[in-house]
Protein backbone atom coordinates (compact mmCIF):
# COMPACT_ATOMS: atom_id res chain seq x y z
CA UNK A 1 96.66 66.68 99.73
CA UNK A 2 94.48 69.76 99.45
CA UNK A 3 91.46 70.45 101.60
CA UNK A 4 89.12 69.86 98.64
CA UNK A 5 90.81 66.54 97.85
CA UNK A 6 90.45 65.48 101.48
CA UNK A 7 86.82 66.57 101.41
CA UNK A 8 86.20 64.45 98.30
CA UNK A 9 87.81 61.40 99.92
CA UNK A 10 85.72 61.87 103.07
CA UNK A 11 82.59 62.28 100.94
CA UNK A 12 83.36 59.10 98.98
CA UNK A 13 84.09 57.16 102.19
CA UNK A 14 80.82 58.28 103.77
CA UNK A 15 78.83 57.42 100.63
CA UNK A 16 80.51 54.00 100.51
CA UNK A 17 79.48 53.37 104.13
CA UNK A 18 75.90 54.41 103.33
CA UNK A 19 75.94 52.18 100.26
CA UNK A 20 76.95 49.18 102.36
CA UNK A 21 74.23 49.96 104.91
CA UNK A 22 71.63 50.22 102.14
CA UNK A 23 72.66 46.88 100.67
CA UNK A 24 72.58 45.29 104.13
CA UNK A 25 69.10 46.70 104.76
CA UNK A 26 67.87 45.47 101.38
CA UNK A 27 69.20 41.99 102.20
CA UNK A 28 67.36 42.19 105.51
CA UNK A 29 64.16 43.24 103.73
CA UNK A 30 64.57 40.36 101.25
CA UNK A 31 64.91 37.93 104.15
CA UNK A 32 61.77 39.28 105.76
CA UNK A 33 59.72 39.29 102.58
CA UNK A 34 60.68 35.64 101.94
CA UNK A 35 58.37 34.82 104.84
CA UNK A 36 55.41 36.29 102.90
CA UNK A 37 53.36 34.31 100.39
CA UNK A 38 55.54 33.14 97.48
CA UNK A 39 53.89 35.42 94.88
CA UNK A 40 54.35 38.43 97.17
CA UNK A 41 58.05 37.61 97.55
CA UNK A 42 58.51 37.07 93.79
CA UNK A 43 56.83 40.37 92.96
CA UNK A 44 58.89 42.29 95.55
CA UNK A 45 62.12 40.68 94.36
CA UNK A 46 61.33 41.36 90.72
CA UNK A 47 60.28 44.96 91.22
CA UNK A 48 61.06 47.18 94.19
CA UNK A 49 63.97 45.15 95.60
CA UNK A 50 65.50 44.86 92.14
CA UNK A 51 65.09 48.57 91.41
CA UNK A 52 66.69 49.54 94.69
CA UNK A 53 69.68 47.21 94.28
CA UNK A 54 70.20 48.20 90.63
CA UNK A 55 70.31 51.89 91.62
CA UNK A 56 73.03 51.21 94.17
CA UNK A 57 75.39 48.84 92.36
CA UNK A 58 75.96 46.87 89.17
CA UNK A 59 77.00 43.87 91.29
CA UNK A 60 73.67 42.00 91.23
CA UNK A 61 71.93 39.06 89.62
CA UNK A 62 69.20 41.08 87.93
CA UNK A 63 68.91 41.69 84.20
CA UNK A 64 69.31 45.39 83.54
CA UNK A 65 70.50 48.25 85.65
CA UNK A 66 70.38 51.93 86.40
CA UNK A 67 71.77 54.55 84.04
CA UNK A 68 74.03 55.77 86.86
CA UNK A 69 74.56 53.77 90.03
CA UNK A 70 75.70 54.85 93.46
CA UNK A 71 78.92 52.89 92.73
CA UNK A 72 79.58 55.12 89.73
CA UNK A 73 78.86 58.30 91.68
CA UNK A 74 81.38 57.25 94.34
CA UNK A 75 83.93 56.40 91.62
CA UNK A 76 83.43 59.84 90.03
CA UNK A 77 84.11 61.56 93.36
CA UNK A 78 87.27 59.47 93.90
CA UNK A 79 88.41 60.30 90.35
CA UNK A 80 87.83 64.01 90.99
CA UNK A 81 89.95 63.78 94.14
CA UNK A 82 92.71 62.00 92.24
CA UNK A 83 92.60 64.53 89.40
CA UNK A 84 92.82 67.41 91.84
CA UNK A 85 95.69 65.78 93.73
CA UNK A 86 97.52 65.16 90.44
CA UNK A 87 96.97 68.80 89.40
CA UNK A 88 98.33 70.08 92.72
CA UNK A 89 101.33 67.73 92.47
CA UNK A 90 102.08 68.97 88.95
CA UNK A 91 102.31 72.59 90.09
């Protein structure tokens, strides 16, 4: 594996870890906001919580989504690493 390919894999791994942390923190925020008045919780869940989750992943219960998610960015980096590794192997 080339240095650039390794760098891409490390980058994707780090982004995946951050993604998981973000999702965990959003779950934590959702749990906290559930203790607020019902309308406050519903508005948060329908707006800012939904927007944040939809920007990170397509794996959610909301209707709609982001044009490009963090999942897709990570997948693009992994694909670039694979393409580079395949190119090096072919030479």
